[in-house]
């Protein structure tokens, strides 16, 4: 692409030997039926009300979910998408250990979206953009996972099965976007819609809980729109009538690291 990526606040995978035993609590988690009201059922576990019914049919390849990000509208210093992602998935409930320095905590805490700057080495032009799991058609994380915990759904969403993840972090090393985080400590507070647990890898899943309850947006898209930027478009990449397909037809876009031929589900314009 003729650009050098300068990644801010990124998370390098650490030595796999420092992983503790997997949190058995995550394996005991059971889903909650739709229609409940907000309530506390156990320390650190909060039930949230759900108004839509869960999907009744299996996920199919008739759709492929994706994002288009217009970097010309992405504002330097804005963290609306990052903050919304944290709230949506319970990442804002993480607490820094008292013994950890801020620098160490910034490297270790889970982050599903981070703001990145790309600088053109020839012109010096700097581009701001959010970087998350790119939901590749040919995901390297899936190829290297020894247990099948990393997988791609029929609708193109790349996910991690926390019940079979052994915390080896091969997927983190294989991801060219550094898009995955590892949970080093026991999770004391979490949302029932997004179960998390020590010893697992996790990343953006395009708000899969919204997909499975029939909602048509993501937290980052909603937040960017509410902030007045409208830099992110979500939709079905296979539907010629979808908003994302119409935007793709109107503006040039490209993949990050398109040289890897991963056919990512996240595209960027203006880079």
C-alpha atoms as a PDB file:
ATOM      1  CA  UNK A   1       0.000   0.000   0.000  1.00  0.00           C
ATOM      2  CA  UNK A   2       3.054   2.259   0.093  1.00  0.00           C
ATOM      3  CA  UNK A   3       2.400   3.210   3.715  1.00  0.00           C
ATOM      4  CA  UNK A   4       3.967   2.535   7.075  1.00  0.00           C
ATOM      5  CA  UNK A   5       1.572   1.648   9.862  1.00  0.00           C
ATOM      6  CA  UNK A   6       2.140   3.325  13.194  1.00  0.00           C
ATOM      7  CA  UNK A   7      -0.125   1.505  15.615  1.00  0.00           C
ATOM      8  CA  UNK A   8      -1.077   3.348  18.787  1.00  0.00           C
ATOM      9  CA  UNK A   9      -2.055   1.470  21.951  1.00  0.00           C
ATOM     10  CA  UNK A  10      -1.636  -1.922  20.321  1.00  0.00           C
ATOM     11  CA  UNK A  11      -1.345  -5.230  22.106  1.00  0.00           C
ATOM     12  CA  UNK A  12       1.555  -7.508  21.342  1.00  0.00           C
ATOM     13  CA  UNK A  13       0.987 -11.153  22.321  1.00  0.00           C
ATOM     14  CA  UNK A  14       3.102 -11.962  25.356  1.00  0.00           C
ATOM     15  CA  UNK A  15       4.947 -15.149  26.179  1.00  0.00           C
ATOM     16  CA  UNK A  16       2.382 -17.980  26.117  1.00  0.00           C
ATOM     17  CA  UNK A  17       4.093 -19.569  29.115  1.00  0.00           C
ATOM     18  CA  UNK A  18       2.721 -16.895  31.459  1.00  0.00           C
ATOM     19  CA  UNK A  19      -0.891 -18.052  31.002  1.00  0.00           C
ATOM     20  CA  UNK A  20      -2.612 -19.400  34.083  1.00  0.00           C
ATOM     21  CA  UNK A  21      -5.151 -22.244  34.062  1.00  0.00           C
ATOM     22  CA  UNK A  22      -8.307 -21.490  32.105  1.00  0.00           C
ATOM     23  CA  UNK A  23     -11.130 -20.045  34.154  1.00  0.00           C
ATOM     24  CA  UNK A  24     -13.515 -22.930  34.716  1.00  0.00           C
ATOM     25  CA  UNK A  25     -16.276 -20.443  35.427  1.00  0.00           C
ATOM     26  CA  UNK A  26     -16.616 -19.570  31.769  1.00  0.00           C
ATOM     27  CA  UNK A  27     -17.414 -23.163  30.951  1.00  0.00           C
ATOM     28  CA  UNK A  28     -20.332 -23.147  33.351  1.00  0.00           C
ATOM     29  CA  UNK A  29     -21.947 -20.085  31.842  1.00  0.00           C
ATOM     30  CA  UNK A  30     -25.449 -20.624  30.500  1.00  0.00           C
ATOM     31  CA  UNK A  31     -27.289 -18.346  28.114  1.00  0.00           C
ATOM     32  CA  UNK A  32     -30.210 -16.237  29.305  1.00  0.00           C
ATOM     33  CA  UNK A  33     -33.610 -16.306  27.603  1.00  0.00           C
ATOM     34  CA  UNK A  34     -34.977 -13.235  25.852  1.00  0.00           C
ATOM     35  CA  UNK A  35     -37.469 -10.969  27.568  1.00  0.00           C
ATOM     36  CA  UNK A  36     -35.737 -10.676  30.955  1.00  0.00           C
ATOM     37  CA  UNK A  37     -35.342  -7.437  32.862  1.00  0.00           C
ATOM     38  CA  UNK A  38     -32.069  -6.096  34.237  1.00  0.00           C
ATOM     39  CA  UNK A  39     -31.068  -7.892  37.430  1.00  0.00           C
ATOM     40  CA  UNK A  40     -28.036  -9.026  39.402  1.00  0.00           C
ATOM     41  CA  UNK A  41     -27.908 -12.815  39.664  1.00  0.00           C
ATOM     42  CA  UNK A  42     -24.377 -13.258  41.043  1.00  0.00           C
ATOM     43  CA  UNK A  43     -21.439 -11.056  41.990  1.00  0.00           C
ATOM     44  CA  UNK A  44     -20.135  -9.418  38.831  1.00  0.00           C
ATOM     45  CA  UNK A  45     -22.872 -10.823  36.571  1.00  0.00           C
ATOM     46  CA  UNK A  46     -25.657  -8.550  35.347  1.00  0.00           C
ATOM     47  CA  UNK A  47     -28.616  -9.598  33.232  1.00  0.00           C
ATOM     48  CA  UNK A  48     -29.740  -7.093  30.606  1.00  0.00           C
ATOM     49  CA  UNK A  49     -33.202  -6.839  29.130  1.00  0.00           C
ATOM     50  CA  UNK A  50     -33.677  -8.099  25.597  1.00  0.00           C
ATOM     51  CA  UNK A  51     -36.693  -7.102  23.555  1.00  0.00           C
ATOM     52  CA  UNK A  52     -36.119  -8.999  20.315  1.00  0.00           C
ATOM     53  CA  UNK A  53     -36.473 -12.735  19.897  1.00  0.00           C
ATOM     54  CA  UNK A  54     -33.350 -14.816  19.150  1.00  0.00           C
ATOM     55  CA  UNK A  55     -32.856 -16.210  15.679  1.00  0.00           C
ATOM     56  CA  UNK A  56     -34.843 -19.331  14.903  1.00  0.00           C
ATOM     57  CA  UNK A  57     -32.906 -20.347  11.783  1.00  0.00           C
ATOM     58  CA  UNK A  58     -29.290 -21.340  11.307  1.00  0.00           C
ATOM     59  CA  UNK A  59     -26.740 -18.794  10.076  1.00  0.00           C
ATOM     60  CA  UNK A  60     -26.188 -19.113   6.313  1.00  0.00           C
ATOM     61  CA  UNK A  61     -23.719 -17.886   3.735  1.00  0.00           C
ATOM     62  CA  UNK A  62     -26.481 -15.948   1.986  1.00  0.00           C
ATOM     63  CA  UNK A  63     -25.156 -12.892   3.803  1.00  0.00           C
ATOM     64  CA  UNK A  64     -21.674 -11.653   4.634  1.00  0.00           C
ATOM     65  CA  UNK A  65     -21.473  -8.972   7.272  1.00  0.00           C
ATOM     66  CA  UNK A  66     -18.862  -6.265   6.969  1.00  0.00           C
ATOM     67  CA  UNK A  67     -17.840  -2.671   7.612  1.00  0.00           C
ATOM     68  CA  UNK A  68     -16.793   0.244   5.415  1.00  0.00           C
ATOM     69  CA  UNK A  69     -14.793   2.988   7.112  1.00  0.00           C
ATOM     70  CA  UNK A  70     -14.434   6.399   5.493  1.00  0.00           C
ATOM     71  CA  UNK A  71     -11.128   7.629   6.912  1.00  0.00           C
ATOM     72  CA  UNK A  72     -11.807  11.153   5.652  1.00  0.00           C
ATOM     73  CA  UNK A  73     -14.557  11.368   8.278  1.00  0.00           C
ATOM     74  CA  UNK A  74     -12.595   9.687  11.078  1.00  0.00           C
ATOM     75  CA  UNK A  75     -11.583  12.444  13.489  1.00  0.00           C
ATOM     76  CA  UNK A  76      -8.232  12.543  15.259  1.00  0.00           C
ATOM     77  CA  UNK A  77      -8.752  12.321  19.006  1.00  0.00           C
ATOM     78  CA  UNK A  78     -12.275  10.908  18.756  1.00  0.00           C
ATOM     79  CA  UNK A  79     -12.766   7.656  20.666  1.00  0.00           C
ATOM     80  CA  UNK A  80     -16.540   7.298  20.307  1.00  0.00           C
ATOM     81  CA  UNK A  81     -16.335   3.926  18.533  1.00  0.00           C
ATOM     82  CA  UNK A  82     -13.785   2.553  21.003  1.00  0.00           C
ATOM     83  CA  UNK A  83     -15.784   3.685  24.035  1.00  0.00           C
ATOM     84  CA  UNK A  84     -19.021   2.292  22.616  1.00  0.00           C
ATOM     85  CA  UNK A  85     -17.381  -1.062  21.895  1.00  0.00           C
ATOM     86  CA  UNK A  86     -16.081  -1.194  25.452  1.00  0.00           C
ATOM     87  CA  UNK A  87     -19.545  -0.528  26.895  1.00  0.00           C
ATOM     88  CA  UNK A  88     -21.295  -2.934  24.528  1.00  0.00           C
ATOM     89  CA  UNK A  89     -18.997  -5.818  25.396  1.00  0.00           C
ATOM     90  CA  UNK A  90     -18.251  -5.094  29.031  1.00  0.00           C
ATOM     91  CA  UNK A  91     -14.632  -4.130  28.449  1.00  0.00           C
ATOM     92  CA  UNK A  92     -15.239  -0.947  30.419  1.00  0.00           C
ATOM     93  CA  UNK A  93     -15.729  -3.169  33.480  1.00  0.00           C
ATOM     94  CA  UNK A  94     -12.062  -4.163  33.504  1.00  0.00           C
ATOM     95  CA  UNK A  95     -10.126  -3.011  36.559  1.00  0.00           C
ATOM     96  CA  UNK A  96      -6.411  -2.337  36.723  1.00  0.00           C
ATOM     97  CA  UNK A  97      -4.713  -4.557  39.312  1.00  0.00           C
ATOM     98  CA  UNK A  98      -3.366  -2.499  42.192  1.00  0.00           C
ATOM     99  CA  UNK A  99       0.118  -3.896  41.644  1.00  0.00           C
ATOM    100  CA  UNK A 100       0.218  -3.112  37.905  1.00  0.00           C
ATOM    101  CA  UNK A 101       1.693   0.063  36.481  1.00  0.00           C
ATOM    102  CA  UNK A 102      -0.450   2.070  34.086  1.00  0.00           C
ATOM    103  CA  UNK A 103       1.937   1.253  31.247  1.00  0.00           C
ATOM    104  CA  UNK A 104       1.709  -2.474  31.930  1.00  0.00           C
ATOM    105  CA  UNK A 105      -2.076  -2.296  32.228  1.00  0.00           C
ATOM    106  CA  UNK A 106      -2.380  -0.425  28.935  1.00  0.00           C
ATOM    107  CA  UNK A 107      -0.483  -3.286  27.279  1.00  0.00           C
ATOM    108  CA  UNK A 108      -2.453  -6.058  28.950  1.00  0.00           C
ATOM    109  CA  UNK A 109      -6.090  -4.944  29.080  1.00  0.00           C
ATOM    110  CA  UNK A 110      -8.450  -6.243  26.422  1.00  0.00           C
ATOM    111  CA  UNK A 111      -9.174  -3.905  23.515  1.00  0.00           C
ATOM    112  CA  UNK A 112     -11.371  -4.855  20.561  1.00  0.00           C
ATOM    113  CA  UNK A 113     -11.046  -1.587  18.627  1.00  0.00           C
ATOM    114  CA  UNK A 114      -8.110   0.793  18.714  1.00  0.00           C
ATOM    115  CA  UNK A 115      -7.488   4.038  16.915  1.00  0.00           C
ATOM    116  CA  UNK A 116      -4.507   3.898  14.556  1.00  0.00           C
ATOM    117  CA  UNK A 117      -2.621   6.404  12.455  1.00  0.00           C
ATOM    118  CA  UNK A 118      -1.197   5.575   9.029  1.00  0.00           C
ATOM    119  CA  UNK A 119       1.502   7.845   7.694  1.00  0.00           C
ATOM    120  CA  UNK A 120       2.492   8.012   4.040  1.00  0.00           C
ATOM    121  CA  UNK A 121       6.285   7.883   3.951  1.00  0.00           C
ATOM    122  CA  UNK A 122       6.466   9.937   0.766  1.00  0.00           C
ATOM    123  CA  UNK A 123       3.964  12.713   1.468  1.00  0.00           C
ATOM    124  CA  UNK A 124       3.830  12.653   5.259  1.00  0.00           C
ATOM    125  CA  UNK A 125       0.013  12.568   5.137  1.00  0.00           C
ATOM    126  CA  UNK A 126      -1.473  11.068   8.285  1.00  0.00           C
ATOM    127  CA  UNK A 127      -4.742   9.110   8.208  1.00  0.00           C
ATOM    128  CA  UNK A 128      -6.795   8.203  11.286  1.00  0.00           C
ATOM    129  CA  UNK A 129      -8.826   5.018  11.407  1.00  0.00           C
ATOM    130  CA  UNK A 130     -10.257   2.427  13.800  1.00  0.00           C
ATOM    131  CA  UNK A 131      -8.681  -1.018  13.544  1.00  0.00           C
ATOM    132  CA  UNK A 132     -10.405  -4.158  14.688  1.00  0.00           C
ATOM    133  CA  UNK A 133     -10.718  -7.790  13.592  1.00  0.00           C
ATOM    134  CA  UNK A 134     -10.970  -7.608   9.810  1.00  0.00           C
ATOM    135  CA  UNK A 135     -13.218 -10.693   9.511  1.00  0.00           C
ATOM    136  CA  UNK A 136     -11.186 -12.241   6.730  1.00  0.00           C
ATOM    137  CA  UNK A 137     -12.627 -14.714   4.265  1.00  0.00           C
ATOM    138  CA  UNK A 138      -9.399 -16.679   4.752  1.00  0.00           C
ATOM    139  CA  UNK A 139      -8.531 -15.923   8.396  1.00  0.00           C
ATOM    140  CA  UNK A 140      -4.985 -16.868   9.478  1.00  0.00           C
ATOM    141  CA  UNK A 141      -6.185 -17.144  13.082  1.00  0.00           C
ATOM    142  CA  UNK A 142      -8.460 -20.019  12.101  1.00  0.00           C
ATOM    143  CA  UNK A 143      -5.701 -21.769  10.171  1.00  0.00           C
ATOM    144  CA  UNK A 144      -3.317 -21.915  13.144  1.00  0.00           C
ATOM    145  CA  UNK A 145      -5.773 -22.688  15.954  1.00  0.00           C
ATOM    146  CA  UNK A 146      -5.027 -26.229  17.213  1.00  0.00           C
ATOM    147  CA  UNK A 147      -8.461 -26.812  18.761  1.00  0.00           C
ATOM    148  CA  UNK A 148     -10.829 -25.132  16.307  1.00  0.00           C
ATOM    149  CA  UNK A 149     -11.710 -22.466  18.870  1.00  0.00           C
ATOM    150  CA  UNK A 150     -11.054 -19.783  16.271  1.00  0.00           C
ATOM    151  CA  UNK A 151     -13.666 -20.183  13.573  1.00  0.00           C
ATOM    152  CA  UNK A 152     -15.559 -18.302  10.873  1.00  0.00           C
ATOM    153  CA  UNK A 153     -19.336 -18.400  10.809  1.00  0.00           C
ATOM    154  CA  UNK A 154     -21.200 -18.938   7.560  1.00  0.00           C
ATOM    155  CA  UNK A 155     -22.107 -15.232   7.548  1.00  0.00           C
ATOM    156  CA  UNK A 156     -18.440 -14.228   7.608  1.00  0.00           C
ATOM    157  CA  UNK A 157     -18.051 -13.292  11.284  1.00  0.00           C
ATOM    158  CA  UNK A 158     -14.779 -14.552  12.772  1.00  0.00           C
ATOM    159  CA  UNK A 159     -15.138 -15.611  16.399  1.00  0.00           C
ATOM    160  CA  UNK A 160     -13.571 -17.504  19.296  1.00  0.00           C
ATOM    161  CA  UNK A 161     -15.292 -20.379  21.082  1.00  0.00           C
ATOM    162  CA  UNK A 162     -14.350 -19.753  24.699  1.00  0.00           C
ATOM    163  CA  UNK A 163     -15.197 -23.325  25.658  1.00  0.00           C
ATOM    164  CA  UNK A 164     -12.473 -24.784  23.441  1.00  0.00           C
ATOM    165  CA  UNK A 165      -9.888 -21.977  23.555  1.00  0.00           C
ATOM    166  CA  UNK A 166      -6.810 -23.197  25.437  1.00  0.00           C
ATOM    167  CA  UNK A 167      -5.059 -19.820  25.515  1.00  0.00           C
ATOM    168  CA  UNK A 168      -2.105 -20.827  23.331  1.00  0.00           C
ATOM    169  CA  UNK A 169      -2.287 -17.452  21.541  1.00  0.00           C
ATOM    170  CA  UNK A 170      -1.163 -18.826  18.187  1.00  0.00           C
ATOM    171  CA  UNK A 171      -4.028 -16.850  16.662  1.00  0.00           C
ATOM    172  CA  UNK A 172      -2.690 -13.614  18.142  1.00  0.00           C
ATOM    173  CA  UNK A 173       0.683 -14.233  16.555  1.00  0.00           C
ATOM    174  CA  UNK A 174      -0.896 -15.142  13.216  1.00  0.00           C
ATOM    175  CA  UNK A 175      -3.167 -12.077  13.015  1.00  0.00           C
ATOM    176  CA  UNK A 176      -1.494  -9.421  10.832  1.00  0.00           C
ATOM    177  CA  UNK A 177      -3.702  -6.733  12.384  1.00  0.00           C
ATOM    178  CA  UNK A 178      -2.870  -7.401  16.060  1.00  0.00           C
ATOM    179  CA  UNK A 179      -6.614  -7.444  16.577  1.00  0.00           C
ATOM    180  CA  UNK A 180      -6.904  -9.980  19.382  1.00  0.00           C
ATOM    181  CA  UNK A 181      -6.512  -9.672  23.147  1.00  0.00           C
ATOM    182  CA  UNK A 182      -5.752 -12.268  25.806  1.00  0.00           C
ATOM    183  CA  UNK A 183      -7.468 -12.288  29.194  1.00  0.00           C
ATOM    184  CA  UNK A 184      -4.688 -12.607  31.777  1.00  0.00           C
ATOM    185  CA  UNK A 185      -6.730 -12.272  34.951  1.00  0.00           C
ATOM    186  CA  UNK A 186      -9.967 -13.681  36.294  1.00  0.00           C
ATOM    187  CA  UNK A 187     -12.929 -11.652  35.029  1.00  0.00           C
ATOM    188  CA  UNK A 188     -14.836 -10.261  37.979  1.00  0.00           C
ATOM    189  CA  UNK A 189     -17.420  -8.213  36.077  1.00  0.00           C
ATOM    190  CA  UNK A 190     -18.963  -9.110  32.725  1.00  0.00           C
ATOM    191  CA  UNK A 191     -22.169  -8.931  30.728  1.00  0.00           C
ATOM    192  CA  UNK A 192     -24.250 -12.049  30.194  1.00  0.00           C
ATOM    193  CA  UNK A 193     -24.533 -11.287  26.481  1.00  0.00           C
ATOM    194  CA  UNK A 194     -20.718 -11.288  26.163  1.00  0.00           C
ATOM    195  CA  UNK A 195     -19.251 -14.004  28.405  1.00  0.00           C
ATOM    196  CA  UNK A 196     -15.531 -13.562  29.035  1.00  0.00           C
ATOM    197  CA  UNK A 197     -13.014 -15.612  31.014  1.00  0.00           C
ATOM    198  CA  UNK A 198      -9.390 -15.898  32.054  1.00  0.00           C
ATOM    199  CA  UNK A 199      -7.154 -17.798  29.673  1.00  0.00           C
ATOM    200  CA  UNK A 200      -9.146 -16.975  26.520  1.00  0.00           C
ATOM    201  CA  UNK A 201      -8.447 -14.893  23.441  1.00  0.00           C
ATOM    202  CA  UNK A 202     -11.103 -12.466  22.212  1.00  0.00           C
ATOM    203  CA  UNK A 203     -11.704  -9.828  19.551  1.00  0.00           C
ATOM    204  CA  UNK A 204     -14.369  -7.855  17.693  1.00  0.00           C
ATOM    205  CA  UNK A 205     -17.256 -10.077  16.578  1.00  0.00           C
ATOM    206  CA  UNK A 206     -19.331  -7.403  14.832  1.00  0.00           C
ATOM    207  CA  UNK A 207     -21.676  -7.325  17.826  1.00  0.00           C
ATOM    208  CA  UNK A 208     -22.744 -10.891  17.072  1.00  0.00           C
ATOM    209  CA  UNK A 209     -25.342 -10.821  19.852  1.00  0.00           C
ATOM    210  CA  UNK A 210     -27.101  -8.076  17.896  1.00  0.00           C
ATOM    211  CA  UNK A 211     -26.947 -10.138  14.716  1.00  0.00           C
ATOM    212  CA  UNK A 212     -28.535 -13.106  16.442  1.00  0.00           C
ATOM    213  CA  UNK A 213     -31.374 -10.977  17.796  1.00  0.00           C
ATOM    214  CA  UNK A 214     -32.156  -9.364  14.456  1.00  0.00           C
ATOM    215  CA  UNK A 215     -30.670  -5.925  15.076  1.00  0.00           C
ATOM    216  CA  UNK A 216     -29.250  -4.103  12.068  1.00  0.00           C
ATOM    217  CA  UNK A 217     -26.292  -2.137  13.415  1.00  0.00           C
ATOM    218  CA  UNK A 218     -23.195  -2.302  15.617  1.00  0.00           C
ATOM    219  CA  UNK A 219     -22.196  -0.291  18.669  1.00  0.00           C
ATOM    220  CA  UNK A 220     -19.345   1.451  16.849  1.00  0.00           C
ATOM    221  CA  UNK A 221     -21.563   2.471  13.929  1.00  0.00           C
ATOM    222  CA  UNK A 222     -24.218   3.879  16.257  1.00  0.00           C
ATOM    223  CA  UNK A 223     -21.668   5.817  18.301  1.00  0.00           C
ATOM    224  CA  UNK A 224     -19.929   7.276  15.260  1.00  0.00           C
ATOM    225  CA  UNK A 225     -23.266   8.445  13.883  1.00  0.00           C
ATOM    226  CA  UNK A 226     -24.299   9.951  17.218  1.00  0.00           C
ATOM    227  CA  UNK A 227     -20.968  11.800  17.355  1.00  0.00           C
ATOM    228  CA  UNK A 228     -21.877  13.388  14.017  1.00  0.00           C
ATOM    229  CA  UNK A 229     -19.149  11.749  11.925  1.00  0.00           C
ATOM    230  CA  UNK A 230     -20.904   8.807  10.190  1.00  0.00           C
ATOM    231  CA  UNK A 231     -17.522   7.370   9.230  1.00  0.00           C
ATOM    232  CA  UNK A 232     -18.551   3.707   9.640  1.00  0.00           C
ATOM    233  CA  UNK A 233     -21.123   1.802   7.587  1.00  0.00           C
ATOM    234  CA  UNK A 234     -22.269  -1.724   8.480  1.00  0.00           C
ATOM    235  CA  UNK A 235     -24.198  -4.146   6.338  1.00  0.00           C
ATOM    236  CA  UNK A 236     -24.440  -7.184   4.102  1.00  0.00           C
ATOM    237  CA  UNK A 237     -21.628  -7.217   1.569  1.00  0.00           C
ATOM    238  CA  UNK A 238     -23.604  -9.647  -0.606  1.00  0.00           C
ATOM    239  CA  UNK A 239     -26.749  -7.539  -0.861  1.00  0.00           C
ATOM    240  CA  UNK A 240     -26.530  -5.074  -3.787  1.00  0.00           C
ATOM    241  CA  UNK A 241     -29.304  -3.018  -2.176  1.00  0.00           C
ATOM    242  CA  UNK A 242     -27.580  -2.684   1.192  1.00  0.00           C
ATOM    243  CA  UNK A 243     -26.163   0.640   2.327  1.00  0.00           C
ATOM    244  CA  UNK A 244     -22.635  -0.713   2.494  1.00  0.00           C
ATOM    245  CA  UNK A 245     -22.741  -2.055  -1.074  1.00  0.00           C
ATOM    246  CA  UNK A 246     -24.074   1.261  -2.365  1.00  0.00           C
ATOM    247  CA  UNK A 247     -21.292   3.139  -0.594  1.00  0.00           C
ATOM    248  CA  UNK A 248     -18.694   0.726  -1.947  1.00  0.00           C
ATOM    249  CA  UNK A 249     -20.022   1.352  -5.459  1.00  0.00           C
ATOM    250  CA  UNK A 250     -19.652   5.109  -5.014  1.00  0.00           C
ATOM    251  CA  UNK A 251     -16.186   5.374  -3.485  1.00  0.00           C
ATOM    252  CA  UNK A 252     -12.826   3.697  -3.911  1.00  0.00           C
ATOM    253  CA  UNK A 253     -11.878   1.414  -1.048  1.00  0.00           C
ATOM    254  CA  UNK A 254      -9.200  -1.067  -0.183  1.00  0.00           C
ATOM    255  CA  UNK A 255      -8.124  -3.620   2.364  1.00  0.00           C
ATOM    256  CA  UNK A 256      -5.341  -3.156   4.869  1.00  0.00           C
ATOM    257  CA  UNK A 257      -2.566  -5.596   3.938  1.00  0.00           C
ATOM    258  CA  UNK A 258      -4.351  -6.506   0.733  1.00  0.00           C
ATOM    259  CA  UNK A 259      -1.090  -8.162  -0.329  1.00  0.00           C
ATOM    260  CA  UNK A 260      -2.030 -11.090   1.937  1.00  0.00           C
ATOM    261  CA  UNK A 261      -5.147 -11.876  -0.166  1.00  0.00           C
ATOM    262  CA  UNK A 262      -7.316 -12.454   2.904  1.00  0.00           C
ATOM    263  CA  UNK A 263     -10.402 -10.785   1.374  1.00  0.00           C
ATOM    264  CA  UNK A 264     -11.283  -8.903   4.522  1.00  0.00           C
ATOM    265  CA  UNK A 265     -14.819  -8.012   5.507  1.00  0.00           C
ATOM    266  CA  UNK A 266     -13.669  -4.561   6.666  1.00  0.00           C
ATOM    267  CA  UNK A 267     -12.810  -2.046   3.960  1.00  0.00           C
ATOM    268  CA  UNK A 268     -11.360   1.463   4.156  1.00  0.00           C
ATOM    269  CA  UNK A 269     -11.723   4.455   1.861  1.00  0.00           C
ATOM    270  CA  UNK A 270      -9.276   7.326   1.768  1.00  0.00           C
ATOM    271  CA  UNK A 271      -6.098   5.315   2.335  1.00  0.00           C
END
